[in-house]
Amino acid sequence: MPKSKERCKEIREEMRNTILQKSLLYFARNGFAGTKISDLSKNIGIGQGTIYVYFESKEELFQEILKIANSNEMLKKMKLLVNMPVSAKKKLRMLSEMVLNRLEKDETFAAMIALNTQMLLEKNEAYSSEETTYQTKLYNYTFKIIEQGQKEKSMVDGSSMKLVDYYWGVVYLYSLKRLFTSEYEMISVDDLERTVLKG
């Protein structure tokens, strides 16, 4: 008995979602430059041509993955957090708890962090850190919290963007540990906050 149009559409959506989810993890582990469609298709367990049925190129697939990574619910929570009428120190605590909790429980979140960080590094090696980091919402929201904290004198003086780099650099390290190792000790909220808090 032939499949209905609806079932065919469901199967196509399921395959597209499988490709996107497995590609997110693969790109996070290998970077854009280190990913070949032939290797990716083997990792997913499908033919190389199947990927091209859904995506015209590696670039198009990667752009779709970035949309998934950047439409994450955590970004929505961060946006709300930044606008809350509380101290920057409290915002940082809430952000750190949210990040470490997600990192411990969700491999896809670890992949998203790794992928965003790799994009900063791969986009254009000639760019300075400050120019590239402004392109990600994670960094932008954290920058606003740190800038507020510096005005309130609860966070370290100096370049707010460098402090954002330190903070997310530590998160990136633990994201890589989450993706590449089976045994590691998760950093504490206090340890993570030491990257930016005074005293």
N, C-alpha and C. Protein backbone atom coordinates (compact mmCIF):
# COMPACT_ATOMS: atom_id res chain seq x y z
N MET A 1 0.84 -1.18 0.00
CA MET A 1 0.00 0.00 0.00
C MET A 1 0.89 1.25 0.00
N PRO A 2 0.70 2.18 -0.95
CA PRO A 2 1.55 3.37 -1.03
C PRO A 2 1.33 4.31 0.16
N LYS A 3 2.40 5.05 0.49
CA LYS A 3 2.30 5.99 1.61
C LYS A 3 1.49 7.22 1.19
N SER A 4 0.76 7.77 2.14
CA SER A 4 -0.01 8.99 1.86
C SER A 4 0.95 10.17 1.71
N LYS A 5 0.44 11.25 1.12
CA LYS A 5 1.25 12.47 0.99
C LYS A 5 1.68 12.98 2.36
N GLU A 6 0.78 12.90 3.32
CA GLU A 6 1.07 13.37 4.66
C GLU A 6 2.22 12.58 5.29
N ARG A 7 2.16 11.24 5.11
CA ARG A 7 3.21 10.39 5.68
C ARG A 7 4.55 10.64 5.00
N CYS A 8 4.54 10.85 3.68
CA CYS A 8 5.77 11.16 2.95
C CYS A 8 6.38 12.47 3.45
N LYS A 9 5.50 13.43 3.72
CA LYS A 9 5.97 14.72 4.23
C LYS A 9 6.58 14.55 5.62
N GLU A 10 5.93 13.74 6.47
CA GLU A 10 6.46 13.46 7.81
C GLU A 10 7.83 12.81 7.74
N ILE A 11 7.98 11.84 6.84
CA ILE A 11 9.26 11.14 6.69
C ILE A 11 10.36 12.11 6.26
N ARG A 12 10.03 13.00 5.31
CA ARG A 12 11.00 14.00 4.86
C ARG A 12 11.40 14.93 6.01
N GLU A 13 10.43 15.37 6.81
CA GLU A 13 10.71 16.24 7.95
C GLU A 13 11.58 15.53 8.99
N GLU A 14 11.26 14.25 9.24
CA GLU A 14 12.03 13.47 10.20
C GLU A 14 13.48 13.35 9.75
N MET A 15 13.69 13.06 8.45
CA MET A 15 15.04 12.92 7.93
C MET A 15 15.79 14.25 8.00
N ARG A 16 15.13 15.34 7.64
CA ARG A 16 15.75 16.67 7.69
C ARG A 16 16.17 17.00 9.12
N ASN A 17 15.28 16.73 10.08
CA ASN A 17 15.60 16.99 11.48
C ASN A 17 16.73 16.12 11.98
N THR A 18 16.77 14.86 11.56
CA THR A 18 17.86 13.96 11.93
C THR A 18 19.18 14.50 11.41
N ILE A 19 19.19 14.92 10.16
CA ILE A 19 20.41 15.48 9.56
C ILE A 19 20.86 16.72 10.34
N LEU A 20 19.92 17.60 10.66
CA LEU A 20 20.27 18.83 11.39
C LEU A 20 20.81 18.53 12.79
N GLN A 21 20.14 17.66 13.53
CA GLN A 21 20.57 17.38 14.90
C GLN A 21 21.94 16.70 14.94
N LYS A 22 22.12 15.71 14.07
CA LYS A 22 23.41 15.00 14.07
C LYS A 22 24.52 15.87 13.50
N SER A 23 24.17 16.75 12.57
CA SER A 23 25.17 17.66 12.00
C SER A 23 25.61 18.70 13.02
N LEU A 24 24.68 19.14 13.87
CA LEU A 24 25.03 20.10 14.91
C LEU A 24 26.15 19.55 15.79
N LEU A 25 25.99 18.31 16.24
CA LEU A 25 27.02 17.68 17.06
C LEU A 25 28.31 17.48 16.29
N TYR A 26 28.19 17.08 15.02
CA TYR A 26 29.38 16.81 14.21
C TYR A 26 30.17 18.10 13.94
N PHE A 27 29.47 19.15 13.54
CA PHE A 27 30.14 20.43 13.30
C PHE A 27 30.76 20.96 14.59
N ALA A 28 30.09 20.79 15.71
CA ALA A 28 30.61 21.26 16.99
C ALA A 28 31.91 20.55 17.34
N ARG A 29 32.01 19.28 17.00
CA ARG A 29 33.21 18.51 17.30
C ARG A 29 34.33 18.77 16.30
N ASN A 30 33.98 19.08 15.05
CA ASN A 30 34.99 19.17 13.99
C ASN A 30 35.17 20.56 13.40
N GLY A 31 34.27 21.49 13.72
CA GLY A 31 34.34 22.82 13.12
C GLY A 31 33.84 22.81 11.69
N PHE A 32 33.63 23.99 11.14
CA PHE A 32 33.15 24.09 9.75
C PHE A 32 34.23 23.60 8.79
N ALA A 33 35.44 24.12 8.95
CA ALA A 33 36.53 23.77 8.04
C ALA A 33 36.88 22.29 8.11
N GLY A 34 36.73 21.70 9.30
CA GLY A 34 37.10 20.29 9.48
C GLY A 34 36.00 19.30 9.14
N THR A 35 34.88 19.79 8.62
CA THR A 35 33.76 18.91 8.27
C THR A 35 33.68 18.72 6.77
N LYS A 36 33.70 17.46 6.35
CA LYS A 36 33.46 17.11 4.94
C LYS A 36 32.12 16.40 4.88
N ILE A 37 31.34 16.71 3.86
CA ILE A 37 30.01 16.10 3.73
C ILE A 37 30.12 14.58 3.65
N SER A 38 31.16 14.07 3.01
CA SER A 38 31.32 12.61 2.92
C SER A 38 31.49 11.98 4.30
N ASP A 39 32.30 12.62 5.15
CA ASP A 39 32.49 12.12 6.52
C ASP A 39 31.23 12.30 7.36
N LEU A 40 30.58 13.44 7.19
CA LEU A 40 29.34 13.72 7.92
C LEU A 40 28.27 12.68 7.59
N SER A 41 28.11 12.37 6.32
CA SER A 41 27.08 11.40 5.92
C SER A 41 27.35 10.02 6.51
N LYS A 42 28.64 9.63 6.56
CA LYS A 42 29.00 8.35 7.18
C LYS A 42 28.65 8.36 8.67
N ASN A 43 28.93 9.48 9.32
CA ASN A 43 28.63 9.62 10.74
C ASN A 43 27.13 9.51 11.02
N ILE A 44 26.33 10.12 10.15
CA ILE A 44 24.88 10.07 10.30
C ILE A 44 24.34 8.69 9.94
N GLY A 45 25.02 8.02 9.01
CA GLY A 45 24.56 6.70 8.55
C GLY A 45 23.65 6.78 7.35
N ILE A 46 23.87 7.79 6.52
CA ILE A 46 23.08 7.96 5.29
C ILE A 46 24.03 8.20 4.12
N GLY A 47 23.51 8.11 2.92
CA GLY A 47 24.32 8.39 1.75
C GLY A 47 24.58 9.89 1.63
N GLN A 48 25.73 10.22 1.05
CA GLN A 48 26.10 11.62 0.88
C GLN A 48 25.04 12.39 0.08
N GLY A 49 24.48 11.74 -0.94
CA GLY A 49 23.47 12.37 -1.78
C GLY A 49 22.22 12.74 -1.01
N THR A 50 21.92 11.99 0.05
CA THR A 50 20.72 12.28 0.84
C THR A 50 20.82 13.67 1.47
N ILE A 51 22.02 14.03 1.92
CA ILE A 51 22.20 15.37 2.50
C ILE A 51 21.89 16.43 1.46
N TYR A 52 22.33 16.19 0.21
CA TYR A 52 22.12 17.18 -0.86
C TYR A 52 20.66 17.24 -1.34
N VAL A 53 19.88 16.23 -1.00
CA VAL A 53 18.44 16.30 -1.29
C VAL A 53 17.80 17.40 -0.44
N TYR A 54 18.31 17.57 0.78
CA TYR A 54 17.73 18.50 1.74
C TYR A 54 18.45 19.85 1.80
N PHE A 55 19.74 19.83 1.48
CA PHE A 55 20.56 21.05 1.56
C PHE A 55 21.47 21.12 0.33
N GLU A 56 21.51 22.28 -0.30
CA GLU A 56 22.28 22.42 -1.54
C GLU A 56 23.78 22.33 -1.33
N SER A 57 24.24 22.73 -0.16
CA SER A 57 25.68 22.76 0.09
C SER A 57 25.96 22.63 1.58
N LYS A 58 27.23 22.44 1.89
CA LYS A 58 27.66 22.41 3.29
C LYS A 58 27.35 23.75 3.95
N GLU A 59 27.54 24.84 3.21
CA GLU A 59 27.28 26.18 3.74
C GLU A 59 25.80 26.35 4.12
N GLU A 60 24.91 25.88 3.26
CA GLU A 60 23.47 26.00 3.56
C GLU A 60 23.11 25.16 4.78
N LEU A 61 23.63 23.95 4.86
CA LEU A 61 23.39 23.10 6.03
C LEU A 61 23.89 23.79 7.29
N PHE A 62 25.07 24.36 7.21
CA PHE A 62 25.66 25.02 8.38
C PHE A 62 24.84 26.23 8.80
N GLN A 63 24.34 27.00 7.85
CA GLN A 63 23.50 28.16 8.17
C GLN A 63 22.22 27.73 8.90
N GLU A 64 21.64 26.61 8.47
CA GLU A 64 20.44 26.10 9.14
C GLU A 64 20.76 25.66 10.57
N ILE A 65 21.93 25.07 10.75
CA ILE A 65 22.36 24.65 12.09
C ILE A 65 22.56 25.86 12.99
N LEU A 66 23.15 26.91 12.44
CA LEU A 66 23.36 28.14 13.22
C LEU A 66 22.02 28.75 13.64
N LYS A 67 21.02 28.67 12.76
CA LYS A 67 19.69 29.18 13.12
C LYS A 67 19.15 28.42 14.33
N ILE A 68 19.33 27.10 14.33
CA ILE A 68 18.88 26.28 15.46
C ILE A 68 19.63 26.70 16.72
N ALA A 69 20.95 26.82 16.61
CA ALA A 69 21.77 27.17 17.77
C ALA A 69 21.41 28.53 18.33
N ASN A 70 21.07 29.47 17.45
CA ASN A 70 20.81 30.83 17.91
C ASN A 70 19.34 31.11 18.20
N SER A 71 18.47 30.14 17.96
CA SER A 71 17.07 30.33 18.34
C SER A 71 16.78 29.58 19.64
N ASN A 72 17.84 29.18 20.28
CA ASN A 72 17.74 28.40 21.51
C ASN A 72 16.94 29.14 22.58
N GLU A 73 16.18 28.39 23.37
CA GLU A 73 15.37 28.98 24.43
C GLU A 73 16.23 29.71 25.47
N MET A 74 17.49 29.28 25.63
CA MET A 74 18.34 29.96 26.60
C MET A 74 18.59 31.40 26.20
N LEU A 75 18.70 31.66 24.90
CA LEU A 75 18.90 33.04 24.45
C LEU A 75 17.71 33.91 24.81
N LYS A 76 16.53 33.32 24.72
CA LYS A 76 15.32 34.06 25.11
C LYS A 76 15.35 34.36 26.60
N LYS A 77 15.79 33.38 27.39
CA LYS A 77 15.89 33.58 28.84
C LYS A 77 16.95 34.63 29.17
N MET A 78 18.06 34.61 28.42
CA MET A 78 19.11 35.59 28.65
C MET A 78 18.63 37.00 28.36
N LYS A 79 17.84 37.14 27.30
CA LYS A 79 17.30 38.45 26.95
C LYS A 79 16.42 38.97 28.09
N LEU A 80 15.58 38.11 28.64
CA LEU A 80 14.74 38.49 29.78
C LEU A 80 15.60 38.83 31.00
N LEU A 81 16.63 38.02 31.22
CA LEU A 81 17.52 38.21 32.35
C LEU A 81 18.20 39.57 32.30
N VAL A 82 18.70 39.95 31.15
CA VAL A 82 19.40 41.22 30.98
C VAL A 82 18.50 42.40 31.35
N ASN A 83 17.22 42.28 31.07
CA ASN A 83 16.29 43.39 31.31
C ASN A 83 15.62 43.36 32.69
N MET A 84 15.96 42.38 33.52
CA MET A 84 15.37 42.30 34.86
C MET A 84 15.88 43.44 35.74
N PRO A 85 15.03 43.99 36.61
CA PRO A 85 15.46 45.09 37.49
C PRO A 85 16.16 44.58 38.76
N VAL A 86 17.26 43.83 38.56
CA VAL A 86 18.03 43.31 39.70
C VAL A 86 19.51 43.64 39.45
N SER A 87 20.34 43.42 40.45
CA SER A 87 21.76 43.73 40.32
C SER A 87 22.42 42.82 39.29
N ALA A 88 23.52 43.30 38.74
CA ALA A 88 24.27 42.50 37.77
C ALA A 88 24.83 41.24 38.41
N LYS A 89 25.19 41.34 39.69
CA LYS A 89 25.72 40.18 40.41
C LYS A 89 24.68 39.06 40.47
N LYS A 90 23.42 39.45 40.72
CA LYS A 90 22.33 38.48 40.77
C LYS A 90 22.08 37.90 39.37
N LYS A 91 22.13 38.77 38.35
CA LYS A 91 21.95 38.30 36.96
C LYS A 91 23.04 37.30 36.59
N LEU A 92 24.28 37.61 36.99
CA LEU A 92 25.39 36.70 36.69
C LEU A 92 25.19 35.35 37.36
N ARG A 93 24.72 35.37 38.60
CA ARG A 93 24.46 34.12 39.33
C ARG A 93 23.41 33.29 38.59
N MET A 94 22.33 33.94 38.19
CA MET A 94 21.25 33.24 37.48
C MET A 94 21.75 32.70 36.14
N LEU A 95 22.54 33.50 35.43
CA LEU A 95 23.10 33.06 34.15
C LEU A 95 24.02 31.86 34.35
N SER A 96 24.91 31.94 35.32
CA SER A 96 25.88 30.86 35.57
C SER A 96 25.18 29.56 35.96
N GLU A 97 24.17 29.67 36.81
CA GLU A 97 23.41 28.47 37.20
C GLU A 97 22.71 27.86 35.99
N MET A 98 22.12 28.72 35.17
CA MET A 98 21.40 28.25 33.98
C MET A 98 22.37 27.56 33.01
N VAL A 99 23.51 28.19 32.76
CA VAL A 99 24.49 27.66 31.81
C VAL A 99 25.03 26.32 32.28
N LEU A 100 25.48 26.25 33.52
CA LEU A 100 26.10 25.02 34.01
C LEU A 100 25.09 23.88 34.14
N ASN A 101 23.87 24.20 34.51
CA ASN A 101 22.81 23.19 34.58
C ASN A 101 22.54 22.60 33.20
N ARG A 102 22.39 23.47 32.21
CA ARG A 102 22.14 23.00 30.84
C ARG A 102 23.33 22.21 30.30
N LEU A 103 24.52 22.71 30.59
CA LEU A 103 25.73 22.06 30.09
C LEU A 103 25.85 20.63 30.63
N GLU A 104 25.52 20.46 31.88
CA GLU A 104 25.62 19.15 32.51
C GLU A 104 24.60 18.16 31.95
N LYS A 105 23.41 18.66 31.58
CA LYS A 105 22.32 17.77 31.19
C LYS A 105 22.10 17.62 29.69
N ASP A 106 22.62 18.54 28.89
CA ASP A 106 22.21 18.62 27.49
C ASP A 106 23.41 18.70 26.54
N GLU A 107 23.68 17.61 25.87
CA GLU A 107 24.80 17.56 24.93
C GLU A 107 24.59 18.54 23.77
N THR A 108 23.35 18.74 23.36
CA THR A 108 23.07 19.67 22.27
C THR A 108 23.43 21.10 22.68
N PHE A 109 23.20 21.45 23.93
CA PHE A 109 23.58 22.77 24.41
C PHE A 109 25.11 22.92 24.39
N ALA A 110 25.82 21.88 24.81
CA ALA A 110 27.29 21.91 24.75
C ALA A 110 27.75 22.10 23.31
N ALA A 111 27.08 21.43 22.38
CA ALA A 111 27.42 21.58 20.96
C ALA A 111 27.16 23.00 20.48
N MET A 112 26.06 23.60 20.94
CA MET A 112 25.74 24.97 20.55
C MET A 112 26.82 25.94 21.02
N ILE A 113 27.26 25.78 22.26
CA ILE A 113 28.32 26.65 22.80
C ILE A 113 29.61 26.46 21.99
N ALA A 114 29.97 25.21 21.76
CA ALA A 114 31.19 24.93 21.00
C ALA A 114 31.10 25.51 19.60
N LEU A 115 29.96 25.35 18.98
CA LEU A 115 29.76 25.83 17.61
C LEU A 115 29.84 27.35 17.53
N ASN A 116 29.18 28.03 18.44
CA ASN A 116 29.24 29.50 18.45
C ASN A 116 30.68 29.99 18.64
N THR A 117 31.41 29.35 19.53
CA THR A 117 32.79 29.76 19.79
C THR A 117 33.67 29.48 18.58
N GLN A 118 33.48 28.33 17.95
CA GLN A 118 34.27 28.01 16.76
C GLN A 118 34.00 29.00 15.63
N MET A 119 32.75 29.46 15.52
CA MET A 119 32.43 30.44 14.49
C MET A 119 33.21 31.73 14.70
N LEU A 120 33.39 32.11 15.95
CA LEU A 120 34.17 33.31 16.22
C LEU A 120 35.60 33.13 15.73
N LEU A 121 36.13 31.92 15.92
CA LEU A 121 37.51 31.66 15.56
C LEU A 121 37.69 31.42 14.06
N GLU A 122 36.71 30.80 13.42
CA GLU A 122 36.84 30.45 12.00
C GLU A 122 36.42 31.55 11.05
N LYS A 123 35.58 32.46 11.49
CA LYS A 123 34.98 33.44 10.59
C LYS A 123 36.04 34.19 9.80
N ASN A 124 36.99 34.75 10.49
CA ASN A 124 38.07 35.46 9.83
C ASN A 124 39.18 35.62 10.84
N GLU A 125 40.26 34.88 10.65
CA GLU A 125 41.32 34.89 11.64
C GLU A 125 41.97 36.26 11.81
N ALA A 126 41.78 37.14 10.84
CA ALA A 126 42.36 38.48 10.92
C ALA A 126 41.57 39.40 11.85
N TYR A 127 40.32 39.03 12.18
CA TYR A 127 39.50 39.87 13.06
C TYR A 127 40.05 39.83 14.47
N SER A 128 39.85 40.91 15.18
CA SER A 128 40.19 40.89 16.60
C SER A 128 39.05 40.24 17.36
N SER A 129 39.35 39.85 18.59
CA SER A 129 38.32 39.20 19.41
C SER A 129 37.10 40.09 19.57
N GLU A 130 37.32 41.39 19.80
CA GLU A 130 36.19 42.29 20.05
C GLU A 130 35.26 42.38 18.86
N GLU A 131 35.80 42.41 17.65
CA GLU A 131 34.95 42.54 16.47
C GLU A 131 34.10 41.29 16.23
N THR A 132 34.67 40.12 16.44
CA THR A 132 33.92 38.90 16.16
C THR A 132 32.93 38.56 17.26
N THR A 133 33.29 38.83 18.51
CA THR A 133 32.40 38.42 19.58
C THR A 133 31.09 39.17 19.57
N TYR A 134 31.07 40.37 19.07
CA TYR A 134 29.82 41.13 19.03
C TYR A 134 28.79 40.49 18.11
N GLN A 135 29.20 39.52 17.30
CA GLN A 135 28.28 38.91 16.35
C GLN A 135 27.43 37.81 16.99
N THR A 136 27.68 37.43 18.23
CA THR A 136 26.88 36.40 18.84
C THR A 136 26.05 36.95 20.00
N LYS A 137 24.81 36.51 20.09
CA LYS A 137 23.89 36.99 21.12
C LYS A 137 24.36 36.60 22.51
N LEU A 138 24.95 35.41 22.64
CA LEU A 138 25.46 34.98 23.94
C LEU A 138 26.42 36.02 24.50
N TYR A 139 27.34 36.47 23.65
CA TYR A 139 28.33 37.45 24.09
C TYR A 139 27.68 38.81 24.34
N ASN A 140 26.77 39.20 23.48
CA ASN A 140 26.11 40.50 23.62
C ASN A 140 25.38 40.62 24.95
N TYR A 141 24.59 39.61 25.30
CA TYR A 141 23.83 39.65 26.54
C TYR A 141 24.77 39.64 27.76
N THR A 142 25.80 38.83 27.69
CA THR A 142 26.75 38.76 28.80
C THR A 142 27.49 40.09 28.95
N PHE A 143 27.83 40.70 27.83
CA PHE A 143 28.48 42.00 27.83
C PHE A 143 27.64 43.03 28.60
N LYS A 144 26.34 43.02 28.36
CA LYS A 144 25.45 43.98 29.03
C LYS A 144 25.43 43.75 30.54
N ILE A 145 25.44 42.48 30.95
CA ILE A 145 25.45 42.16 32.38
C ILE A 145 26.76 42.64 33.02
N ILE A 146 27.88 42.36 32.35
CA ILE A 146 29.19 42.75 32.90
C ILE A 146 29.34 44.27 32.93
N GLU A 147 28.88 44.92 31.90
CA GLU A 147 28.94 46.38 31.86
C GLU A 147 28.14 46.99 33.02
N GLN A 148 26.95 46.43 33.28
CA GLN A 148 26.14 46.87 34.42
C GLN A 148 26.90 46.62 35.72
N GLY A 149 27.53 45.43 35.84
CA GLY A 149 28.28 45.08 37.04
C GLY A 149 29.47 45.99 37.28
N GLN A 150 30.10 46.44 36.20
CA GLN A 150 31.22 47.36 36.36
C GLN A 150 30.73 48.73 36.87
N LYS A 151 29.57 49.15 36.41
CA LYS A 151 28.99 50.41 36.90
C LYS A 151 28.61 50.28 38.37
N GLU A 152 28.16 49.09 38.76
CA GLU A 152 27.77 48.84 40.17
C GLU A 152 28.98 48.49 41.03
N LYS A 153 30.16 48.39 40.42
CA LYS A 153 31.42 48.08 41.12
C LYS A 153 31.48 46.66 41.69
N SER A 154 30.68 45.74 41.13
CA SER A 154 30.72 44.35 41.60
C SER A 154 31.58 43.47 40.69
N MET A 155 31.95 43.99 39.52
CA MET A 155 32.73 43.21 38.57
C MET A 155 34.06 43.88 38.26
N VAL A 156 35.01 43.07 37.87
CA VAL A 156 36.38 43.51 37.62
C VAL A 156 36.40 44.66 36.61
N ASP A 157 37.30 45.62 36.85
CA ASP A 157 37.48 46.73 35.91
C ASP A 157 38.24 46.23 34.68
N GLY A 158 38.17 47.03 33.63
CA GLY A 158 38.89 46.68 32.40
C GLY A 158 37.92 46.48 31.26
N SER A 159 38.41 45.89 30.20
CA SER A 159 37.61 45.68 28.99
C SER A 159 36.47 44.69 29.28
N SER A 160 35.25 45.18 29.13
CA SER A 160 34.08 44.31 29.34
C SER A 160 34.10 43.13 28.38
N MET A 161 34.53 43.38 27.16
CA MET A 161 34.54 42.30 26.17
C MET A 161 35.58 41.23 26.50
N LYS A 162 36.70 41.64 27.06
CA LYS A 162 37.70 40.63 27.48
C LYS A 162 37.13 39.77 28.60
N LEU A 163 36.40 40.39 29.51
CA LEU A 163 35.78 39.63 30.59
C LEU A 163 34.75 38.64 30.05
N VAL A 164 34.00 39.07 29.03
CA VAL A 164 33.06 38.16 28.37
C VAL A 164 33.82 36.99 27.77
N ASP A 165 34.96 37.28 27.14
CA ASP A 165 35.80 36.22 26.57
C ASP A 165 36.24 35.23 27.65
N TYR A 166 36.67 35.74 28.81
CA TYR A 166 37.11 34.86 29.89
C TYR A 166 35.97 33.96 30.35
N TYR A 167 34.82 34.58 30.58
CA TYR A 167 33.66 33.85 31.07
C TYR A 167 33.26 32.73 30.10
N TRP A 168 33.04 33.11 28.84
CA TRP A 168 32.60 32.10 27.88
C TRP A 168 33.72 31.16 27.45
N GLY A 169 34.97 31.61 27.62
CA GLY A 169 36.11 30.71 27.35
C GLY A 169 36.09 29.52 28.30
N VAL A 170 35.77 29.79 29.57
CA VAL A 170 35.66 28.71 30.57
C VAL A 170 34.47 27.80 30.21
N VAL A 171 33.35 28.40 29.85
CA VAL A 171 32.17 27.60 29.46
C VAL A 171 32.50 26.76 28.23
N TYR A 172 33.22 27.33 27.28
CA TYR A 172 33.62 26.60 26.07
C TYR A 172 34.49 25.39 26.43
N LEU A 173 35.44 25.59 27.32
CA LEU A 173 36.30 24.49 27.76
C LEU A 173 35.48 23.33 28.32
N TYR A 174 34.50 23.66 29.16
CA TYR A 174 33.67 22.61 29.75
C TYR A 174 32.69 22.02 28.73
N SER A 175 32.32 22.80 27.72
CA SER A 175 31.51 22.25 26.63
C SER A 175 32.30 21.21 25.86
N LEU A 176 33.57 21.49 25.61
CA LEU A 176 34.42 20.52 24.92
C LEU A 176 34.61 19.26 25.76
N LYS A 177 34.80 19.46 27.07
CA LYS A 177 34.91 18.29 27.95
C LYS A 177 33.64 17.45 27.88
N ARG A 178 32.50 18.12 27.87
CA ARG A 178 31.20 17.43 27.79
C ARG A 178 31.07 16.64 26.49
N LEU A 179 31.58 17.22 25.39
CA LEU A 179 31.46 16.57 24.08
C LEU A 179 32.50 15.48 23.84
N PHE A 180 33.70 15.64 24.41
CA PHE A 180 34.81 14.75 24.05
C PHE A 180 35.24 13.76 25.12
N THR A 181 34.81 13.97 26.36
CA THR A 181 35.26 13.06 27.41
C THR A 181 34.07 12.48 28.16
N SER A 182 34.28 11.35 28.76
CA SER A 182 33.19 10.73 29.52
C SER A 182 33.32 11.00 31.01
N GLU A 183 34.54 11.31 31.46
CA GLU A 183 34.74 11.58 32.89
C GLU A 183 35.43 12.92 33.08
N TYR A 184 34.74 13.83 33.74
CA TYR A 184 35.32 15.13 34.08
C TYR A 184 34.54 15.69 35.25
N GLU A 185 35.16 16.59 35.97
CA GLU A 185 34.48 17.23 37.10
C GLU A 185 33.93 18.57 36.63
N MET A 186 32.63 18.76 36.77
CA MET A 186 31.99 20.00 36.33
C MET A 186 32.43 21.16 37.22
N ILE A 187 32.69 22.28 36.61
CA ILE A 187 33.06 23.50 37.34
C ILE A 187 31.86 23.96 38.17
N SER A 188 32.13 24.66 39.28
CA SER A 188 31.04 25.18 40.11
C SER A 188 30.65 26.58 39.64
N VAL A 189 29.48 27.02 40.07
CA VAL A 189 29.01 28.37 39.75
C VAL A 189 29.99 29.40 40.30
N ASP A 190 30.47 29.19 41.54
CA ASP A 190 31.42 30.13 42.15
C ASP A 190 32.70 30.23 41.33
N ASP A 191 33.19 29.09 40.87
CA ASP A 191 34.42 29.08 40.06
C ASP A 191 34.21 29.84 38.75
N LEU A 192 33.08 29.63 38.11
CA LEU A 192 32.80 30.31 36.84
C LEU A 192 32.70 31.82 37.06
N GLU A 193 32.05 32.22 38.13
CA GLU A 193 31.87 33.65 38.39
C GLU A 193 33.17 34.37 38.73
N ARG A 194 34.17 33.62 39.21
CA ARG A 194 35.46 34.22 39.54
C ARG A 194 36.12 34.87 38.33
N THR A 195 35.71 34.47 37.14
CA THR A 195 36.30 35.06 35.93
C THR A 195 35.98 36.53 35.78
N VAL A 196 34.88 36.98 36.42
CA VAL A 196 34.45 38.37 36.23
C VAL A 196 34.14 39.15 37.51
N LEU A 197 33.86 38.47 38.61
CA LEU A 197 33.47 39.16 39.85
C LEU A 197 34.68 39.67 40.62
N LYS A 198 34.51 40.79 41.30
CA LYS A 198 35.54 41.30 42.18
C LYS A 198 35.59 40.47 43.46
N GLY A 199 36.80 40.37 44.03
CA GLY A 199 36.97 39.71 45.32
C GLY A 199 36.57 38.31 45.27
